[in-house]
């Protein structure tokens, strides 16, 4: 995992202090890390950035053409 890679996460909406019944699956971009304890800082499209452990994210490999037609 490198800075700029995309990952799929389960987004807990309590990060924005809004409580919903269910969590959502989101795609985020790695902006920092991984650090010595295995955490990466990720950025959502809404501008929210937070730390998550690498075991809590699903890596989206670049060989998939998910951004193309």
PDB file of N, CA and C in Angstrom:
ATOM      1  N   UNK A   1       0.843  -1.180   0.000  1.00  0.00           N
ATOM      2  CA  UNK A   1       0.000   0.000   0.000  1.00  0.00           C
ATOM      3  C   UNK A   1       0.882   1.235   0.000  1.00  0.00           C
ATOM      4  N   UNK A   2       0.538   2.148  -0.893  1.00  0.00           N
ATOM      5  CA  UNK A   2       1.300   3.384  -1.019  1.00  0.00           C
ATOM      6  C   UNK A   2       0.356   4.576  -0.997  1.00  0.00           C
ATOM      7  N   UNK A   3       0.917   5.733  -0.781  1.00  0.00           N
ATOM      8  CA  UNK A   3       0.144   6.970  -0.833  1.00  0.00           C
ATOM      9  C   UNK A   3      -0.442   7.115  -2.237  1.00  0.00           C
ATOM     10  N   UNK A   4      -1.719   7.414  -2.308  1.00  0.00           N
ATOM     11  CA  UNK A   4      -2.416   7.574  -3.580  1.00  0.00           C
ATOM     12  C   UNK A   4      -3.230   6.362  -3.985  1.00  0.00           C
ATOM     13  N   UNK A   5      -3.011   5.222  -3.347  1.00  0.00           N
ATOM     14  CA  UNK A   5      -3.788   4.025  -3.659  1.00  0.00           C
ATOM     15  C   UNK A   5      -5.197   4.147  -3.091  1.00  0.00           C
ATOM     16  N   UNK A   6      -6.135   3.455  -3.728  1.00  0.00           N
ATOM     17  CA  UNK A   6      -7.514   3.454  -3.275  1.00  0.00           C
ATOM     18  C   UNK A   6      -7.796   2.205  -2.454  1.00  0.00           C
ATOM     19  N   UNK A   7      -8.604   2.373  -1.420  1.00  0.00           N
ATOM     20  CA  UNK A   7      -9.016   1.265  -0.567  1.00  0.00           C
ATOM     21  C   UNK A   7     -10.519   1.356  -0.332  1.00  0.00           C
ATOM     22  N   UNK A   8     -11.127   0.222  -0.036  1.00  0.00           N
ATOM     23  CA  UNK A   8     -12.541   0.179   0.308  1.00  0.00           C
ATOM     24  C   UNK A   8     -12.640  -0.022   1.807  1.00  0.00           C
ATOM     25  N   UNK A   9     -13.461   0.795   2.455  1.00  0.00           N
ATOM     26  CA  UNK A   9     -13.579   0.724   3.911  1.00  0.00           C
ATOM     27  C   UNK A   9     -15.042   0.624   4.313  1.00  0.00           C
ATOM     28  N   UNK A  10     -15.262   0.164   5.533  1.00  0.00           N
ATOM     29  CA  UNK A  10     -16.563   0.291   6.160  1.00  0.00           C
ATOM     30  C   UNK A  10     -16.497   1.582   6.945  1.00  0.00           C
ATOM     31  N   UNK A  11     -17.298   2.535   6.556  1.00  0.00           N
ATOM     32  CA  UNK A  11     -17.236   3.872   7.132  1.00  0.00           C
ATOM     33  C   UNK A  11     -18.243   3.999   8.258  1.00  0.00           C
ATOM     34  N   UNK A  12     -17.756   4.229   9.438  1.00  0.00           N
ATOM     35  CA  UNK A  12     -18.596   4.455  10.608  1.00  0.00           C
ATOM     36  C   UNK A  12     -18.984   5.928  10.611  1.00  0.00           C
ATOM     37  N   UNK A  13     -20.266   6.216  10.477  1.00  0.00           N
ATOM     38  CA  UNK A  13     -20.714   7.597  10.333  1.00  0.00           C
ATOM     39  C   UNK A  13     -20.563   8.423  11.602  1.00  0.00           C
ATOM     40  N   UNK A  14     -20.139   7.817  12.712  1.00  0.00           N
ATOM     41  CA  UNK A  14     -19.914   8.595  13.931  1.00  0.00           C
ATOM     42  C   UNK A  14     -18.724   9.532  13.800  1.00  0.00           C
ATOM     43  N   UNK A  15     -17.871   9.336  12.786  1.00  0.00           N
ATOM     44  CA  UNK A  15     -16.744  10.247  12.591  1.00  0.00           C
ATOM     45  C   UNK A  15     -17.230  11.661  12.297  1.00  0.00           C
ATOM     46  N   UNK A  16     -18.390  11.794  11.675  1.00  0.00           N
ATOM     47  CA  UNK A  16     -18.940  13.112  11.395  1.00  0.00           C
ATOM     48  C   UNK A  16     -19.972  13.522  12.438  1.00  0.00           C
ATOM     49  N   UNK A  17     -20.059  12.757  13.524  1.00  0.00           N
ATOM     50  CA  UNK A  17     -20.980  13.004  14.627  1.00  0.00           C
ATOM     51  C   UNK A  17     -22.446  12.921  14.190  1.00  0.00           C
ATOM     52  N   UNK A  18     -22.691  12.127  13.175  1.00  0.00           N
ATOM     53  CA  UNK A  18     -24.053  11.850  12.727  1.00  0.00           C
ATOM     54  C   UNK A  18     -24.261  10.356  12.929  1.00  0.00           C
ATOM     55  N   UNK A  19     -25.325   9.979  13.551  1.00  0.00           N
ATOM     56  CA  UNK A  19     -25.542   8.561  13.838  1.00  0.00           C
ATOM     57  C   UNK A  19     -26.603   7.994  12.905  1.00  0.00           C
ATOM     58  N   UNK A  20     -26.225   6.982  12.144  1.00  0.00           N
ATOM     59  CA  UNK A  20     -27.135   6.246  11.290  1.00  0.00           C
ATOM     60  C   UNK A  20     -27.220   4.816  11.793  1.00  0.00           C
ATOM     61  N   UNK A  21     -28.210   4.114  11.363  1.00  0.00           N
ATOM     62  CA  UNK A  21     -28.412   2.740  11.836  1.00  0.00           C
ATOM     63  C   UNK A  21     -27.342   1.796  11.307  1.00  0.00           C
ATOM     64  N   UNK A  22     -26.912   1.995  10.086  1.00  0.00           N
ATOM     65  CA  UNK A  22     -25.956   1.054   9.483  1.00  0.00           C
ATOM     66  C   UNK A  22     -24.724   1.791   8.976  1.00  0.00           C
ATOM     67  N   UNK A  23     -23.624   1.075   8.948  1.00  0.00           N
ATOM     68  CA  UNK A  23     -22.400   1.627   8.384  1.00  0.00           C
ATOM     69  C   UNK A  23     -22.457   1.525   6.867  1.00  0.00           C
ATOM     70  N   UNK A  24     -21.627   2.292   6.197  1.00  0.00           N
ATOM     71  CA  UNK A  24     -21.607   2.318   4.746  1.00  0.00           C
ATOM     72  C   UNK A  24     -20.259   1.847   4.234  1.00  0.00           C
ATOM     73  N   UNK A  25     -20.256   1.292   3.032  1.00  0.00           N
ATOM     74  CA  UNK A  25     -19.010   0.963   2.343  1.00  0.00           C
ATOM     75  C   UNK A  25     -18.619   2.189   1.522  1.00  0.00           C
ATOM     76  N   UNK A  26     -17.381   2.620   1.666  1.00  0.00           N
ATOM     77  CA  UNK A  26     -16.887   3.795   0.951  1.00  0.00           C
ATOM     78  C   UNK A  26     -15.543   3.474   0.315  1.00  0.00           C
ATOM     79  N   UNK A  27     -15.197   4.244  -0.695  1.00  0.00           N
ATOM     80  CA  UNK A  27     -13.869   4.169  -1.303  1.00  0.00           C
ATOM     81  C   UNK A  27     -13.100   5.397  -0.855  1.00  0.00           C
ATOM     82  N   UNK A  28     -11.882   5.176  -0.377  1.00  0.00           N
ATOM     83  CA  UNK A  28     -11.054   6.260   0.143  1.00  0.00           C
ATOM     84  C   UNK A  28      -9.658   6.166  -0.455  1.00  0.00           C
ATOM     85  N   UNK A  29      -8.893   7.243  -0.336  1.00  0.00           N
ATOM     86  CA  UNK A  29      -7.531   7.283  -0.841  1.00  0.00           C
ATOM     87  C   UNK A  29      -6.559   7.379   0.322  1.00  0.00           C
ATOM     88  N   UNK A  30      -5.474   6.630   0.230  1.00  0.00           N
ATOM     89  CA  UNK A  30      -4.432   6.679   1.257  1.00  0.00           C
ATOM     90  C   UNK A  30      -3.663   7.983   1.094  1.00  0.00           C
ATOM     91  N   UNK A  31      -3.555   8.764   2.179  1.00  0.00           N
ATOM     92  CA  UNK A  31      -2.815  10.019   2.104  1.00  0.00           C
ATOM     93  C   UNK A  31      -1.578  10.027   2.984  1.00  0.00           C
ATOM     94  N   UNK A  32      -1.439   9.014   3.866  1.00  0.00           N
ATOM     95  CA  UNK A  32      -0.253   8.935   4.718  1.00  0.00           C
ATOM     96  C   UNK A  32      -0.129   7.530   5.281  1.00  0.00           C
ATOM     97  N   UNK A  33       1.104   7.054   5.420  1.00  0.00           N
ATOM     98  CA  UNK A  33       1.345   5.779   6.071  1.00  0.00           C
ATOM     99  C   UNK A  33       1.686   4.684   5.088  1.00  0.00           C
ATOM    100  N   UNK A  34       1.744   3.463   5.479  1.00  0.00           N
ATOM    101  CA  UNK A  34       1.472   2.973   6.825  1.00  0.00           C
ATOM    102  C   UNK A  34       2.600   3.316   7.792  1.00  0.00           C
ATOM    103  N   UNK A  35       2.231   3.538   9.034  1.00  0.00           N
ATOM    104  CA  UNK A  35       3.221   3.882  10.051  1.00  0.00           C
ATOM    105  C   UNK A  35       3.694   2.623  10.774  1.00  0.00           C
ATOM    106  N   UNK A  36       4.461   2.798  11.837  1.00  0.00           N
ATOM    107  CA  UNK A  36       5.076   1.656  12.515  1.00  0.00           C
ATOM    108  C   UNK A  36       4.079   0.748  13.237  1.00  0.00           C
ATOM    109  N   UNK A  37       2.863   1.209  13.504  1.00  0.00           N
ATOM    110  CA  UNK A  37       1.853   0.360  14.137  1.00  0.00           C
ATOM    111  C   UNK A  37       0.843  -0.175  13.140  1.00  0.00           C
ATOM    112  N   UNK A  38       1.050   0.088  11.861  1.00  0.00           N
ATOM    113  CA  UNK A  38       0.189  -0.474  10.824  1.00  0.00           C
ATOM    114  C   UNK A  38      -1.056   0.328  10.525  1.00  0.00           C
ATOM    115  N   UNK A  39      -1.032   1.615  10.788  1.00  0.00           N
ATOM    116  CA  UNK A  39      -2.188   2.450  10.484  1.00  0.00           C
ATOM    117  C   UNK A  39      -1.905   3.326   9.268  1.00  0.00           C
ATOM    118  N   UNK A  40      -2.961   3.586   8.510  1.00  0.00           N
ATOM    119  CA  UNK A  40      -2.866   4.476   7.353  1.00  0.00           C
ATOM    120  C   UNK A  40      -3.869   5.610   7.539  1.00  0.00           C
ATOM    121  N   UNK A  41      -3.528   6.770   7.031  1.00  0.00           N
ATOM    122  CA  UNK A  41      -4.455   7.899   7.062  1.00  0.00           C
ATOM    123  C   UNK A  41      -5.159   7.913   5.719  1.00  0.00           C
ATOM    124  N   UNK A  42      -6.486   7.922   5.749  1.00  0.00           N
ATOM    125  CA  UNK A  42      -7.256   7.879   4.514  1.00  0.00           C
ATOM    126  C   UNK A  42      -8.139   9.112   4.398  1.00  0.00           C
ATOM    127  N   UNK A  43      -8.476   9.438   3.157  1.00  0.00           N
ATOM    128  CA  UNK A  43      -9.266  10.627   2.847  1.00  0.00           C
ATOM    129  C   UNK A  43     -10.493  10.202   2.071  1.00  0.00           C
ATOM    130  N   UNK A  44     -11.666  10.593   2.565  1.00  0.00           N
ATOM    131  CA  UNK A  44     -12.913  10.341   1.857  1.00  0.00           C
ATOM    132  C   UNK A  44     -13.187  11.477   0.875  1.00  0.00           C
ATOM    133  N   UNK A  45     -14.093  11.253  -0.052  1.00  0.00           N
ATOM    134  CA  UNK A  45     -14.421  12.291  -1.025  1.00  0.00           C
ATOM    135  C   UNK A  45     -15.094  13.496  -0.380  1.00  0.00           C
ATOM    136  N   UNK A  46     -15.648  13.325   0.814  1.00  0.00           N
ATOM    137  CA  UNK A  46     -16.277  14.435   1.525  1.00  0.00           C
ATOM    138  C   UNK A  46     -15.258  15.350   2.199  1.00  0.00           C
ATOM    139  N   UNK A  47     -13.974  14.958   2.189  1.00  0.00           N
ATOM    140  CA  UNK A  47     -12.931  15.758   2.807  1.00  0.00           C
ATOM    141  C   UNK A  47     -12.562  15.314   4.203  1.00  0.00           C
ATOM    142  N   UNK A  48     -13.234  14.295   4.712  1.00  0.00           N
ATOM    143  CA  UNK A  48     -12.951  13.771   6.052  1.00  0.00           C
ATOM    144  C   UNK A  48     -11.729  12.862   5.968  1.00  0.00           C
ATOM    145  N   UNK A  49     -10.745  13.103   6.839  1.00  0.00           N
ATOM    146  CA  UNK A  49      -9.540  12.275   6.887  1.00  0.00           C
ATOM    147  C   UNK A  49      -9.413  11.690   8.289  1.00  0.00           C
ATOM    148  N   UNK A  50      -9.042  10.417   8.357  1.00  0.00           N
ATOM    149  CA  UNK A  50      -8.860   9.771   9.646  1.00  0.00           C
ATOM    150  C   UNK A  50      -7.938   8.567   9.478  1.00  0.00           C
ATOM    151  N   UNK A  51      -7.489   8.015  10.618  1.00  0.00           N
ATOM    152  CA  UNK A  51      -6.577   6.872  10.641  1.00  0.00           C
ATOM    153  C   UNK A  51      -7.368   5.589  10.761  1.00  0.00           C
ATOM    154  N   UNK A  52      -6.956   4.563  10.023  1.00  0.00           N
ATOM    155  CA  UNK A  52      -7.531   3.226  10.123  1.00  0.00           C
ATOM    156  C   UNK A  52      -6.408   2.218  10.040  1.00  0.00           C
ATOM    157  N   UNK A  53      -6.581   1.090  10.709  1.00  0.00           N
ATOM    158  CA  UNK A  53      -5.576   0.028  10.651  1.00  0.00           C
ATOM    159  C   UNK A  53      -5.677  -0.684   9.306  1.00  0.00           C
ATOM    160  N   UNK A  54      -4.549  -1.141   8.785  1.00  0.00           N
ATOM    161  CA  UNK A  54      -4.539  -1.778   7.467  1.00  0.00           C
ATOM    162  C   UNK A  54      -5.386  -3.044   7.424  1.00  0.00           C
ATOM    163  N   UNK A  55      -5.609  -3.689   8.552  1.00  0.00           N
ATOM    164  CA  UNK A  55      -6.451  -4.881   8.573  1.00  0.00           C
ATOM    165  C   UNK A  55      -7.934  -4.544   8.440  1.00  0.00           C
ATOM    166  N   UNK A  56      -8.302  -3.262   8.586  1.00  0.00           N
ATOM    167  CA  UNK A  56      -9.697  -2.834   8.503  1.00  0.00           C
ATOM    168  C   UNK A  56     -10.081  -2.327   7.127  1.00  0.00           C
ATOM    169  N   UNK A  57      -9.166  -2.364   6.178  1.00  0.00           N
ATOM    170  CA  UNK A  57      -9.456  -1.865   4.836  1.00  0.00           C
ATOM    171  C   UNK A  57      -9.272  -2.987   3.813  1.00  0.00           C
ATOM    172  N   UNK A  58      -9.934  -2.833   2.682  1.00  0.00           N
ATOM    173  CA  UNK A  58      -9.799  -3.778   1.581  1.00  0.00           C
ATOM    174  C   UNK A  58      -9.051  -3.065   0.453  1.00  0.00           C
ATOM    175  N   UNK A  59      -7.887  -3.580   0.111  1.00  0.00           N
ATOM    176  CA  UNK A  59      -7.041  -2.955  -0.898  1.00  0.00           C
ATOM    177  C   UNK A  59      -7.639  -3.171  -2.280  1.00  0.00           C
ATOM    178  N   UNK A  60      -7.692  -2.132  -3.084  1.00  0.00           N
ATOM    179  CA  UNK A  60      -8.195  -2.226  -4.452  1.00  0.00           C
ATOM    180  C   UNK A  60      -6.994  -2.156  -5.391  1.00  0.00           C
ATOM    181  N   UNK A  61      -6.571  -3.296  -5.956  1.00  0.00           N
ATOM    182  CA  UNK A  61      -5.381  -3.296  -6.809  1.00  0.00           C
ATOM    183  C   UNK A  61      -5.565  -2.453  -8.057  1.00  0.00           C
ATOM    184  N   UNK A  62      -4.459  -1.906  -8.550  1.00  0.00           N
ATOM    185  CA  UNK A  62      -4.514  -1.004  -9.697  1.00  0.00           C
ATOM    186  C   UNK A  62      -4.742  -1.728 -11.022  1.00  0.00           C
ATOM    187  N   UNK A  63      -4.554  -3.043 -11.070  1.00  0.00           N
ATOM    188  CA  UNK A  63      -4.714  -3.726 -12.347  1.00  0.00           C
ATOM    189  C   UNK A  63      -6.172  -3.827 -12.769  1.00  0.00           C
ATOM    190  N   UNK A  64      -7.111  -3.653 -11.838  1.00  0.00           N
ATOM    191  CA  UNK A  64      -8.517  -3.572 -12.213  1.00  0.00           C
ATOM    192  C   UNK A  64      -8.744  -2.239 -12.907  1.00  0.00           C
ATOM    193  N   UNK A  65      -9.592  -2.216 -13.871  1.00  0.00           N
ATOM    194  CA  UNK A  65      -9.869  -0.982 -14.596  1.00  0.00           C
ATOM    195  C   UNK A  65     -11.170  -0.360 -14.085  1.00  0.00           C
ATOM    196  N   UNK A  66     -11.231  -0.089 -12.785  1.00  0.00           N
ATOM    197  CA  UNK A  66     -12.449   0.406 -12.169  1.00  0.00           C
ATOM    198  C   UNK A  66     -12.709   1.886 -12.429  1.00  0.00           C
ATOM    199  N   UNK A  67     -11.712   2.610 -12.933  1.00  0.00           N
ATOM    200  CA  UNK A  67     -11.911   4.033 -13.215  1.00  0.00           C
ATOM    201  C   UNK A  67     -12.102   4.307 -14.705  1.00  0.00           C
ATOM    202  N   UNK A  68     -12.136   3.279 -15.524  1.00  0.00           N
ATOM    203  CA  UNK A  68     -12.289   3.442 -16.970  1.00  0.00           C
ATOM    204  C   UNK A  68     -13.655   2.955 -17.408  1.00  0.00           C
ATOM    205  N   UNK A  69     -14.030   3.346 -18.618  1.00  0.00           N
ATOM    206  CA  UNK A  69     -15.346   2.949 -19.179  1.00  0.00           C
ATOM    207  C   UNK A  69     -15.474   1.460 -19.324  1.00  0.00           C
TER     208      UNK A  69
END
